[in-house]
């Protein structure tokens, strides 16, 4: 059942979308809608990933750097010809899960703060990506073609981008995991009060580690789709501020930065709203650099709204 937050967000999306369409009819053009749908799919995957960590009471600040690192690794593995594209995909997914496992263990077992662990990850993975490519742009060789992989990641099914289809499939699975499984109930319990969850018999460390593995594993999926979409990766800038986008989408979708709250549907709606806002910026000819100002304002408003809602509805 759709909650009040989700319903309010859906109404806001419809209102903003209507206003954008009135200001510039190109918003409803098939090309613009298709491109927007593609971006919703690409960005939505790692936004859903971020939600799992936020609900657990943590945060993942290295999303953009992970996408850059795994992106250049994926491009190198595929274009080098040493591994088949399918094997390269598996390797990148495993690397993503290993990064999540390392983050989870540092937070849950070593006792480090999530902010510190993932901020260090942001710097480390970006540095490794730049060293790995000698600070050069990584891309597929001229004329290189991978028909099956390209169709799966960048193709379209009756005009619908496969990135959006993948996002919807991931959303469905993750929605079941979060809202219909024992693990999901444990995750919410840990996010609301980790100590109480521990006393109630929940293995809180295992839950936190699993949240980071899921997050970084899904981020690896996003890295593959984005790499195939851009076809080239500059390790110094690729994925910059993506973690802020993911946090903004999650916060807009009702995920509390204090943990223990949120829904997959809300994150989907938050992702859609952010893309509509960025589309508005582009269609109005506003400098693209203001995208960062838009995201920052969205995060601030989301946190303020969450605080006001929490005062009226205390736990």
C-alpha atoms as a PDB file:
ATOM      1  CA  UNK A   1       0.000   0.000   0.000  1.00  0.00           C
ATOM      2  CA  UNK A   2       1.268   3.464  -0.911  1.00  0.00           C
ATOM      3  CA  UNK A   3       2.080   5.627   2.128  1.00  0.00           C
ATOM      4  CA  UNK A   4       1.362   9.283   2.694  1.00  0.00           C
ATOM      5  CA  UNK A   5       4.941  10.284   1.896  1.00  0.00           C
ATOM      6  CA  UNK A   6       4.920   8.310  -1.338  1.00  0.00           C
ATOM      7  CA  UNK A   7       1.531   9.697  -2.340  1.00  0.00           C
ATOM      8  CA  UNK A   8       2.688  13.244  -1.686  1.00  0.00           C
ATOM      9  CA  UNK A   9       5.829  12.639  -3.743  1.00  0.00           C
ATOM     10  CA  UNK A  10       3.795  11.180  -6.610  1.00  0.00           C
ATOM     11  CA  UNK A  11       1.532  14.239  -6.634  1.00  0.00           C
ATOM     12  CA  UNK A  12       4.599  16.503  -6.619  1.00  0.00           C
ATOM     13  CA  UNK A  13       6.050  14.635  -9.606  1.00  0.00           C
ATOM     14  CA  UNK A  14       2.791  15.039 -11.537  1.00  0.00           C
ATOM     15  CA  UNK A  15       2.619  18.745 -10.695  1.00  0.00           C
ATOM     16  CA  UNK A  16       6.257  19.402 -11.630  1.00  0.00           C
ATOM     17  CA  UNK A  17       5.913  17.302 -14.802  1.00  0.00           C
ATOM     18  CA  UNK A  18       2.799  19.249 -15.835  1.00  0.00           C
ATOM     19  CA  UNK A  19       4.516  22.581 -15.230  1.00  0.00           C
ATOM     20  CA  UNK A  20       7.578  21.491 -17.230  1.00  0.00           C
ATOM     21  CA  UNK A  21       5.373  20.291 -20.113  1.00  0.00           C
ATOM     22  CA  UNK A  22       3.518  23.613 -20.170  1.00  0.00           C
ATOM     23  CA  UNK A  23       6.736  25.645 -20.102  1.00  0.00           C
ATOM     24  CA  UNK A  24       8.387  23.529 -22.779  1.00  0.00           C
ATOM     25  CA  UNK A  25       6.307  21.015 -24.796  1.00  0.00           C
ATOM     26  CA  UNK A  26       9.530  19.204 -25.784  1.00  0.00           C
ATOM     27  CA  UNK A  27       9.373  17.560 -22.361  1.00  0.00           C
ATOM     28  CA  UNK A  28       6.702  15.200 -23.737  1.00  0.00           C
ATOM     29  CA  UNK A  29       8.525  14.411 -26.968  1.00  0.00           C
ATOM     30  CA  UNK A  30       9.265  10.694 -27.458  1.00  0.00           C
ATOM     31  CA  UNK A  31      13.025  11.317 -27.630  1.00  0.00           C
ATOM     32  CA  UNK A  32      13.095  13.297 -24.391  1.00  0.00           C
ATOM     33  CA  UNK A  33      10.881  10.818 -22.557  1.00  0.00           C
ATOM     34  CA  UNK A  34      13.036   7.921 -23.774  1.00  0.00           C
ATOM     35  CA  UNK A  35      16.253   9.632 -22.686  1.00  0.00           C
ATOM     36  CA  UNK A  36      14.733  10.517 -19.316  1.00  0.00           C
ATOM     37  CA  UNK A  37      13.586   6.922 -18.833  1.00  0.00           C
ATOM     38  CA  UNK A  38      17.106   5.712 -19.614  1.00  0.00           C
ATOM     39  CA  UNK A  39      18.624   8.057 -17.023  1.00  0.00           C
ATOM     40  CA  UNK A  40      16.023   7.031 -14.442  1.00  0.00           C
ATOM     41  CA  UNK A  41      17.103   3.431 -14.963  1.00  0.00           C
ATOM     42  CA  UNK A  42      20.837   4.174 -14.789  1.00  0.00           C
ATOM     43  CA  UNK A  43      20.665   6.376 -11.707  1.00  0.00           C
ATOM     44  CA  UNK A  44      17.850   4.494 -10.032  1.00  0.00           C
ATOM     45  CA  UNK A  45      19.868   1.292  -9.641  1.00  0.00           C
ATOM     46  CA  UNK A  46      22.476   2.814  -7.356  1.00  0.00           C
ATOM     47  CA  UNK A  47      19.848   4.971  -5.616  1.00  0.00           C
ATOM     48  CA  UNK A  48      18.055   1.785  -4.525  1.00  0.00           C
ATOM     49  CA  UNK A  49      21.455   0.421  -3.479  1.00  0.00           C
ATOM     50  CA  UNK A  50      22.082   3.461  -1.286  1.00  0.00           C
ATOM     51  CA  UNK A  51      18.674   3.055   0.374  1.00  0.00           C
ATOM     52  CA  UNK A  52      19.641  -0.277   1.930  1.00  0.00           C
ATOM     53  CA  UNK A  53      22.628   1.245   3.717  1.00  0.00           C
ATOM     54  CA  UNK A  54      20.721   4.350   4.823  1.00  0.00           C
ATOM     55  CA  UNK A  55      17.881   2.248   6.254  1.00  0.00           C
ATOM     56  CA  UNK A  56      20.478   0.268   8.231  1.00  0.00           C
ATOM     57  CA  UNK A  57      21.614   3.522   9.832  1.00  0.00           C
ATOM     58  CA  UNK A  58      24.740   3.950   7.724  1.00  0.00           C
ATOM     59  CA  UNK A  59      25.736   5.787   4.566  1.00  0.00           C
ATOM     60  CA  UNK A  60      27.766   4.966   1.447  1.00  0.00           C
ATOM     61  CA  UNK A  61      29.794   7.944   0.202  1.00  0.00           C
ATOM     62  CA  UNK A  62      31.995   6.041  -2.241  1.00  0.00           C
ATOM     63  CA  UNK A  63      29.300   5.199  -4.801  1.00  0.00           C
ATOM     64  CA  UNK A  64      30.703   7.487  -7.499  1.00  0.00           C
ATOM     65  CA  UNK A  65      34.270   6.289  -7.003  1.00  0.00           C
ATOM     66  CA  UNK A  66      33.164   2.646  -7.073  1.00  0.00           C
ATOM     67  CA  UNK A  67      31.382   3.288 -10.366  1.00  0.00           C
ATOM     68  CA  UNK A  68      34.537   4.900 -11.766  1.00  0.00           C
ATOM     69  CA  UNK A  69      36.841   2.095 -10.608  1.00  0.00           C
ATOM     70  CA  UNK A  70      34.616  -0.797 -11.635  1.00  0.00           C
ATOM     71  CA  UNK A  71      33.807   0.993 -14.878  1.00  0.00           C
ATOM     72  CA  UNK A  72      37.435   1.211 -15.996  1.00  0.00           C
ATOM     73  CA  UNK A  73      38.067  -2.360 -14.855  1.00  0.00           C
ATOM     74  CA  UNK A  74      35.061  -3.570 -16.834  1.00  0.00           C
ATOM     75  CA  UNK A  75      36.083  -1.678 -19.971  1.00  0.00           C
ATOM     76  CA  UNK A  76      39.616  -3.037 -19.705  1.00  0.00           C
ATOM     77  CA  UNK A  77      38.458  -6.627 -19.199  1.00  0.00           C
ATOM     78  CA  UNK A  78      36.029  -6.514 -22.100  1.00  0.00           C
ATOM     79  CA  UNK A  79      38.153  -4.577 -24.588  1.00  0.00           C
ATOM     80  CA  UNK A  80      41.325  -6.507 -23.719  1.00  0.00           C
ATOM     81  CA  UNK A  81      39.850  -9.692 -25.125  1.00  0.00           C
ATOM     82  CA  UNK A  82      41.238 -11.822 -22.299  1.00  0.00           C
ATOM     83  CA  UNK A  83      37.802 -12.480 -20.848  1.00  0.00           C
ATOM     84  CA  UNK A  84      34.444 -13.008 -22.511  1.00  0.00           C
ATOM     85  CA  UNK A  85      31.956 -10.192 -21.754  1.00  0.00           C
ATOM     86  CA  UNK A  86      29.919 -12.512 -19.519  1.00  0.00           C
ATOM     87  CA  UNK A  87      32.975 -13.412 -17.453  1.00  0.00           C
ATOM     88  CA  UNK A  88      33.903  -9.720 -17.188  1.00  0.00           C
ATOM     89  CA  UNK A  89      30.430  -8.968 -15.845  1.00  0.00           C
ATOM     90  CA  UNK A  90      30.768 -11.673 -13.184  1.00  0.00           C
ATOM     91  CA  UNK A  91      34.213 -10.416 -12.146  1.00  0.00           C
ATOM     92  CA  UNK A  92      32.991  -6.835 -11.759  1.00  0.00           C
ATOM     93  CA  UNK A  93      29.955  -7.940  -9.755  1.00  0.00           C
ATOM     94  CA  UNK A  94      32.194  -9.987  -7.453  1.00  0.00           C
ATOM     95  CA  UNK A  95      34.537  -7.020  -7.001  1.00  0.00           C
ATOM     96  CA  UNK A  96      31.561  -4.852  -6.057  1.00  0.00           C
ATOM     97  CA  UNK A  97      30.386  -7.377  -3.482  1.00  0.00           C
ATOM     98  CA  UNK A  98      33.933  -7.668  -2.088  1.00  0.00           C
ATOM     99  CA  UNK A  99      34.093  -3.893  -1.639  1.00  0.00           C
ATOM    100  CA  UNK A 100      30.748  -3.990   0.156  1.00  0.00           C
ATOM    101  CA  UNK A 101      31.971  -6.851   2.343  1.00  0.00           C
ATOM    102  CA  UNK A 102      35.068  -4.862   3.311  1.00  0.00           C
ATOM    103  CA  UNK A 103      32.994  -1.784   4.162  1.00  0.00           C
ATOM    104  CA  UNK A 104      30.503  -3.838   6.153  1.00  0.00           C
ATOM    105  CA  UNK A 105      33.191  -5.593   8.174  1.00  0.00           C
ATOM    106  CA  UNK A 106      34.959  -2.326   8.975  1.00  0.00           C
ATOM    107  CA  UNK A 107      31.693  -0.827  10.199  1.00  0.00           C
ATOM    108  CA  UNK A 108      30.143  -3.830  11.953  1.00  0.00           C
ATOM    109  CA  UNK A 109      33.168  -5.714  13.239  1.00  0.00           C
ATOM    110  CA  UNK A 110      35.917  -3.121  13.621  1.00  0.00           C
ATOM    111  CA  UNK A 111      33.484  -0.477  14.827  1.00  0.00           C
ATOM    112  CA  UNK A 112      34.461   2.362  12.490  1.00  0.00           C
ATOM    113  CA  UNK A 113      31.941   5.058  11.570  1.00  0.00           C
ATOM    114  CA  UNK A 114      30.256   4.521   8.172  1.00  0.00           C
ATOM    115  CA  UNK A 115      31.025   8.117   7.220  1.00  0.00           C
ATOM    116  CA  UNK A 116      34.764   7.592   7.795  1.00  0.00           C
ATOM    117  CA  UNK A 117      34.929   4.191   6.067  1.00  0.00           C
ATOM    118  CA  UNK A 118      33.078   5.260   2.939  1.00  0.00           C
ATOM    119  CA  UNK A 119      34.744   8.681   2.741  1.00  0.00           C
ATOM    120  CA  UNK A 120      38.100   6.913   2.731  1.00  0.00           C
ATOM    121  CA  UNK A 121      36.705   4.568   0.086  1.00  0.00           C
ATOM    122  CA  UNK A 122      35.702   7.558  -2.027  1.00  0.00           C
ATOM    123  CA  UNK A 123      39.313   8.731  -2.068  1.00  0.00           C
ATOM    124  CA  UNK A 124      40.949   5.301  -2.346  1.00  0.00           C
ATOM    125  CA  UNK A 125      38.871   3.937  -5.246  1.00  0.00           C
ATOM    126  CA  UNK A 126      39.129   7.170  -7.224  1.00  0.00           C
ATOM    127  CA  UNK A 127      42.893   7.121  -6.758  1.00  0.00           C
ATOM    128  CA  UNK A 128      43.145   3.464  -7.800  1.00  0.00           C
ATOM    129  CA  UNK A 129      41.033   4.144 -10.901  1.00  0.00           C
ATOM    130  CA  UNK A 130      43.314   7.005 -11.917  1.00  0.00           C
ATOM    131  CA  UNK A 131      46.443   4.931 -11.283  1.00  0.00           C
ATOM    132  CA  UNK A 132      44.969   1.915 -13.111  1.00  0.00           C
ATOM    133  CA  UNK A 133      44.505   3.982 -16.295  1.00  0.00           C
ATOM    134  CA  UNK A 134      47.534   6.248 -15.696  1.00  0.00           C
ATOM    135  CA  UNK A 135      45.011   9.061 -15.432  1.00  0.00           C
ATOM    136  CA  UNK A 136      43.967   8.537 -19.045  1.00  0.00           C
ATOM    137  CA  UNK A 137      40.469   8.069 -20.400  1.00  0.00           C
ATOM    138  CA  UNK A 138      39.470   4.413 -20.683  1.00  0.00           C
ATOM    139  CA  UNK A 139      37.273   3.407 -23.574  1.00  0.00           C
ATOM    140  CA  UNK A 140      36.469   0.686 -26.048  1.00  0.00           C
ATOM    141  CA  UNK A 141      38.731   0.482 -29.106  1.00  0.00           C
ATOM    142  CA  UNK A 142      37.503   2.154 -32.275  1.00  0.00           C
ATOM    143  CA  UNK A 143      35.117  -0.156 -34.099  1.00  0.00           C
ATOM    144  CA  UNK A 144      34.852  -2.598 -31.196  1.00  0.00           C
ATOM    145  CA  UNK A 145      31.449  -4.209 -31.007  1.00  0.00           C
ATOM    146  CA  UNK A 146      29.856  -6.480 -28.435  1.00  0.00           C
ATOM    147  CA  UNK A 147      26.365  -7.049 -29.866  1.00  0.00           C
ATOM    148  CA  UNK A 148      24.821  -9.141 -27.085  1.00  0.00           C
ATOM    149  CA  UNK A 149      26.246  -7.056 -24.246  1.00  0.00           C
ATOM    150  CA  UNK A 150      25.330  -3.795 -25.978  1.00  0.00           C
ATOM    151  CA  UNK A 151      21.783  -4.991 -26.599  1.00  0.00           C
ATOM    152  CA  UNK A 152      21.331  -6.145 -23.013  1.00  0.00           C
ATOM    153  CA  UNK A 153      22.633  -2.936 -21.441  1.00  0.00           C
ATOM    154  CA  UNK A 154      21.982  -0.162 -23.956  1.00  0.00           C
ATOM    155  CA  UNK A 155      19.262  -1.653 -26.150  1.00  0.00           C
ATOM    156  CA  UNK A 156      15.546  -0.931 -26.182  1.00  0.00           C
ATOM    157  CA  UNK A 157      12.464  -3.113 -26.097  1.00  0.00           C
ATOM    158  CA  UNK A 158       9.684  -1.467 -28.105  1.00  0.00           C
ATOM    159  CA  UNK A 159      11.280   1.886 -27.305  1.00  0.00           C
ATOM    160  CA  UNK A 160      11.712   1.179 -23.584  1.00  0.00           C
ATOM    161  CA  UNK A 161      15.401   1.346 -22.537  1.00  0.00           C
ATOM    162  CA  UNK A 162      16.750  -1.888 -21.108  1.00  0.00           C
ATOM    163  CA  UNK A 163      18.302   0.150 -18.286  1.00  0.00           C
ATOM    164  CA  UNK A 164      14.794   1.077 -17.135  1.00  0.00           C
ATOM    165  CA  UNK A 165      13.610  -2.532 -17.453  1.00  0.00           C
ATOM    166  CA  UNK A 166      16.605  -3.693 -15.388  1.00  0.00           C
ATOM    167  CA  UNK A 167      15.872  -1.001 -12.804  1.00  0.00           C
ATOM    168  CA  UNK A 168      12.235  -2.072 -12.509  1.00  0.00           C
ATOM    169  CA  UNK A 169      13.265  -5.738 -12.161  1.00  0.00           C
ATOM    170  CA  UNK A 170      15.809  -4.846  -9.468  1.00  0.00           C
ATOM    171  CA  UNK A 171      13.221  -2.672  -7.758  1.00  0.00           C
ATOM    172  CA  UNK A 172      10.744  -5.541  -7.659  1.00  0.00           C
ATOM    173  CA  UNK A 173      13.290  -7.984  -6.201  1.00  0.00           C
ATOM    174  CA  UNK A 174      14.698  -5.495  -3.690  1.00  0.00           C
ATOM    175  CA  UNK A 175      11.178  -4.457  -2.708  1.00  0.00           C
ATOM    176  CA  UNK A 176      10.394  -8.057  -1.810  1.00  0.00           C
ATOM    177  CA  UNK A 177      13.671  -8.355   0.094  1.00  0.00           C
ATOM    178  CA  UNK A 178      13.095  -5.139   2.036  1.00  0.00           C
ATOM    179  CA  UNK A 179       9.371  -5.341   2.708  1.00  0.00           C
ATOM    180  CA  UNK A 180       8.491  -9.023   2.558  1.00  0.00           C
ATOM    181  CA  UNK A 181      11.431 -10.868   4.095  1.00  0.00           C
ATOM    182  CA  UNK A 182      12.839 -11.517   7.538  1.00  0.00           C
ATOM    183  CA  UNK A 183      16.051  -9.794   6.514  1.00  0.00           C
ATOM    184  CA  UNK A 184      14.070  -6.652   5.650  1.00  0.00           C
ATOM    185  CA  UNK A 185      12.436  -6.590   9.090  1.00  0.00           C
ATOM    186  CA  UNK A 186      15.845  -7.061  10.696  1.00  0.00           C
ATOM    187  CA  UNK A 187      17.272  -4.233   8.598  1.00  0.00           C
ATOM    188  CA  UNK A 188      14.598  -1.794   9.761  1.00  0.00           C
ATOM    189  CA  UNK A 189      15.063  -2.937  13.359  1.00  0.00           C
ATOM    190  CA  UNK A 190      18.823  -2.390  13.224  1.00  0.00           C
ATOM    191  CA  UNK A 191      18.356   1.045  11.679  1.00  0.00           C
ATOM    192  CA  UNK A 192      15.861   2.155  14.327  1.00  0.00           C
ATOM    193  CA  UNK A 193      17.784   0.908  17.337  1.00  0.00           C
ATOM    194  CA  UNK A 194      20.801  -1.322  16.815  1.00  0.00           C
ATOM    195  CA  UNK A 195      21.298  -2.028  20.512  1.00  0.00           C
ATOM    196  CA  UNK A 196      17.673  -3.058  21.028  1.00  0.00           C
ATOM    197  CA  UNK A 197      17.865  -5.233  17.907  1.00  0.00           C
ATOM    198  CA  UNK A 198      20.955  -6.946  19.277  1.00  0.00           C
ATOM    199  CA  UNK A 199      19.279  -7.648  22.621  1.00  0.00           C
ATOM    200  CA  UNK A 200      16.281  -9.106  20.797  1.00  0.00           C
ATOM    201  CA  UNK A 201      18.529 -11.753  19.252  1.00  0.00           C
ATOM    202  CA  UNK A 202      19.245 -10.244  15.838  1.00  0.00           C
ATOM    203  CA  UNK A 203      22.767 -10.684  14.517  1.00  0.00           C
ATOM    204  CA  UNK A 204      23.153  -6.968  13.837  1.00  0.00           C
ATOM    205  CA  UNK A 205      26.675  -7.285  12.471  1.00  0.00           C
ATOM    206  CA  UNK A 206      25.577  -9.749   9.816  1.00  0.00           C
ATOM    207  CA  UNK A 207      22.651  -7.521   8.833  1.00  0.00           C
ATOM    208  CA  UNK A 208      24.873  -4.454   8.458  1.00  0.00           C
ATOM    209  CA  UNK A 209      27.453  -6.375   6.406  1.00  0.00           C
ATOM    210  CA  UNK A 210      24.692  -7.720   4.146  1.00  0.00           C
ATOM    211  CA  UNK A 211      23.356  -4.187   3.614  1.00  0.00           C
ATOM    212  CA  UNK A 212      26.756  -2.977   2.376  1.00  0.00           C
ATOM    213  CA  UNK A 213      27.233  -6.038   0.168  1.00  0.00           C
ATOM    214  CA  UNK A 214      23.830  -5.462  -1.437  1.00  0.00           C
ATOM    215  CA  UNK A 215      24.602  -1.772  -1.877  1.00  0.00           C
ATOM    216  CA  UNK A 216      27.984  -2.216  -3.533  1.00  0.00           C
ATOM    217  CA  UNK A 217      26.817  -5.232  -5.543  1.00  0.00           C
ATOM    218  CA  UNK A 218      23.983  -3.189  -7.072  1.00  0.00           C
ATOM    219  CA  UNK A 219      26.397  -0.295  -7.587  1.00  0.00           C
ATOM    220  CA  UNK A 220      28.541  -2.691  -9.649  1.00  0.00           C
ATOM    221  CA  UNK A 221      25.487  -3.432 -11.808  1.00  0.00           C
ATOM    222  CA  UNK A 222      25.016   0.310 -12.310  1.00  0.00           C
ATOM    223  CA  UNK A 223      28.720   0.674 -13.171  1.00  0.00           C
ATOM    224  CA  UNK A 224      28.358  -1.842 -16.014  1.00  0.00           C
ATOM    225  CA  UNK A 225      25.260  -0.163 -17.458  1.00  0.00           C
ATOM    226  CA  UNK A 226      26.802   3.301 -17.206  1.00  0.00           C
ATOM    227  CA  UNK A 227      30.072   2.141 -18.786  1.00  0.00           C
ATOM    228  CA  UNK A 228      28.180   0.685 -21.753  1.00  0.00           C
ATOM    229  CA  UNK A 229      26.113   3.876 -22.003  1.00  0.00           C
ATOM    230  CA  UNK A 230      29.038   6.332 -21.949  1.00  0.00           C
ATOM    231  CA  UNK A 231      31.465   4.034 -23.855  1.00  0.00           C
ATOM    232  CA  UNK A 232      34.399   5.918 -22.321  1.00  0.00           C
ATOM    233  CA  UNK A 233      35.422   6.716 -18.753  1.00  0.00           C
ATOM    234  CA  UNK A 234      37.571   9.526 -17.427  1.00  0.00           C
ATOM    235  CA  UNK A 235      38.630   8.202 -14.005  1.00  0.00           C
ATOM    236  CA  UNK A 236      39.112  11.703 -12.583  1.00  0.00           C
ATOM    237  CA  UNK A 237      35.510  12.766 -13.197  1.00  0.00           C
ATOM    238  CA  UNK A 238      33.405   9.704 -14.020  1.00  0.00           C
ATOM    239  CA  UNK A 239      30.747   9.225 -11.343  1.00  0.00           C
ATOM    240  CA  UNK A 240      31.503  12.485  -9.542  1.00  0.00           C
ATOM    241  CA  UNK A 241      28.735  13.386  -7.058  1.00  0.00           C
ATOM    242  CA  UNK A 242      26.737  10.246  -7.878  1.00  0.00           C
ATOM    243  CA  UNK A 243      26.664   9.460  -4.169  1.00  0.00           C
ATOM    244  CA  UNK A 244      24.895  12.784  -3.584  1.00  0.00           C
ATOM    245  CA  UNK A 245      22.334  11.907  -6.232  1.00  0.00           C
ATOM    246  CA  UNK A 246      21.709   8.545  -4.573  1.00  0.00           C
ATOM    247  CA  UNK A 247      21.362  10.128  -1.133  1.00  0.00           C
ATOM    248  CA  UNK A 248      19.044  12.819  -2.485  1.00  0.00           C
ATOM    249  CA  UNK A 249      16.806  10.232  -4.175  1.00  0.00           C
ATOM    250  CA  UNK A 250      16.681   8.123  -1.009  1.00  0.00           C
ATOM    251  CA  UNK A 251      15.947  11.084   1.261  1.00  0.00           C
ATOM    252  CA  UNK A 252      13.280  12.380  -1.105  1.00  0.00           C
ATOM    253  CA  UNK A 253      11.798   8.903  -1.107  1.00  0.00           C
ATOM    254  CA  UNK A 254      11.334   8.920   2.661  1.00  0.00           C
ATOM    255  CA  UNK A 255      14.560   7.286   3.845  1.00  0.00           C
ATOM    256  CA  UNK A 256      15.593   8.923   7.099  1.00  0.00           C
ATOM    257  CA  UNK A 257      19.303   9.638   7.484  1.00  0.00           C
ATOM    258  CA  UNK A 258      18.827   8.506  11.099  1.00  0.00           C
ATOM    259  CA  UNK A 259      18.014   5.024   9.784  1.00  0.00           C
ATOM    260  CA  UNK A 260      15.084   2.666  10.193  1.00  0.00           C
ATOM    261  CA  UNK A 261      12.742   4.303   7.682  1.00  0.00           C
ATOM    262  CA  UNK A 262      12.202   4.175   3.954  1.00  0.00           C
ATOM    263  CA  UNK A 263      10.608   2.295   1.089  1.00  0.00           C
ATOM    264  CA  UNK A 264      11.694   1.093  -2.335  1.00  0.00           C
ATOM    265  CA  UNK A 265       8.697   2.784  -3.952  1.00  0.00           C
ATOM    266  CA  UNK A 266       9.730   6.048  -2.342  1.00  0.00           C
ATOM    267  CA  UNK A 267      13.255   5.762  -3.745  1.00  0.00           C
ATOM    268  CA  UNK A 268      11.828   5.108  -7.219  1.00  0.00           C
ATOM    269  CA  UNK A 269       9.665   8.227  -6.949  1.00  0.00           C
ATOM    270  CA  UNK A 270      12.607  10.222  -5.601  1.00  0.00           C
ATOM    271  CA  UNK A 271      14.709   9.154  -8.587  1.00  0.00           C
ATOM    272  CA  UNK A 272      11.960  10.131 -11.020  1.00  0.00           C
ATOM    273  CA  UNK A 273      11.526  13.544  -9.380  1.00  0.00           C
ATOM    274  CA  UNK A 274      15.246  14.303  -9.526  1.00  0.00           C
ATOM    275  CA  UNK A 275      15.385  13.422 -13.218  1.00  0.00           C
ATOM    276  CA  UNK A 276      12.338  15.565 -13.938  1.00  0.00           C
ATOM    277  CA  UNK A 277      13.984  18.482 -12.111  1.00  0.00           C
ATOM    278  CA  UNK A 278      17.233  18.021 -14.019  1.00  0.00           C
ATOM    279  CA  UNK A 279      15.249  17.797 -17.244  1.00  0.00           C
ATOM    280  CA  UNK A 280      13.603  21.088 -16.308  1.00  0.00           C
ATOM    281  CA  UNK A 281      17.036  22.671 -15.800  1.00  0.00           C
ATOM    282  CA  UNK A 282      18.162  21.465 -19.229  1.00  0.00           C
ATOM    283  CA  UNK A 283      15.003  22.461 -21.101  1.00  0.00           C
ATOM    284  CA  UNK A 284      15.043  25.960 -19.622  1.00  0.00           C
ATOM    285  CA  UNK A 285      18.644  26.456 -20.682  1.00  0.00           C
ATOM    286  CA  UNK A 286      19.865  26.880 -17.111  1.00  0.00           C
ATOM    287  CA  UNK A 287      23.627  26.165 -16.782  1.00  0.00           C
ATOM    288  CA  UNK A 288      24.210  22.483 -16.066  1.00  0.00           C
ATOM    289  CA  UNK A 289      26.499  23.420 -13.171  1.00  0.00           C
ATOM    290  CA  UNK A 290      23.358  24.354 -11.243  1.00  0.00           C
ATOM    291  CA  UNK A 291      22.452  20.647 -11.159  1.00  0.00           C
ATOM    292  CA  UNK A 292      24.636  20.409  -8.077  1.00  0.00           C
ATOM    293  CA  UNK A 293      22.768  23.311  -6.482  1.00  0.00           C
ATOM    294  CA  UNK A 294      19.488  21.545  -7.256  1.00  0.00           C
ATOM    295  CA  UNK A 295      20.687  18.303  -5.635  1.00  0.00           C
ATOM    296  CA  UNK A 296      22.028  20.122  -2.598  1.00  0.00           C
ATOM    297  CA  UNK A 297      18.759  22.009  -2.156  1.00  0.00           C
ATOM    298  CA  UNK A 298      16.781  18.793  -2.559  1.00  0.00           C
ATOM    299  CA  UNK A 299      18.810  17.018   0.147  1.00  0.00           C
ATOM    300  CA  UNK A 300      18.405  20.001   2.496  1.00  0.00           C
ATOM    301  CA  UNK A 301      14.650  20.235   1.942  1.00  0.00           C
ATOM    302  CA  UNK A 302      14.312  16.476   2.331  1.00  0.00           C
ATOM    303  CA  UNK A 303      16.153  16.485   5.662  1.00  0.00           C
ATOM    304  CA  UNK A 304      14.069  19.443   6.903  1.00  0.00           C
ATOM    305  CA  UNK A 305      10.851  17.713   5.855  1.00  0.00           C
ATOM    306  CA  UNK A 306      11.973  14.479   7.526  1.00  0.00           C
ATOM    307  CA  UNK A 307      12.721  16.365  10.737  1.00  0.00           C
ATOM    308  CA  UNK A 308       9.320  18.044  10.752  1.00  0.00           C
ATOM    309  CA  UNK A 309       7.543  14.769  10.012  1.00  0.00           C
ATOM    310  CA  UNK A 310       9.455  13.046  12.815  1.00  0.00           C
ATOM    311  CA  UNK A 311       8.401  15.733  15.313  1.00  0.00           C
ATOM    312  CA  UNK A 312       4.759  15.208  14.437  1.00  0.00           C
ATOM    313  CA  UNK A 313       5.096  11.420  14.329  1.00  0.00           C
ATOM    314  CA  UNK A 314       7.690  10.437  16.932  1.00  0.00           C
ATOM    315  CA  UNK A 315       8.900   6.851  17.035  1.00  0.00           C
END
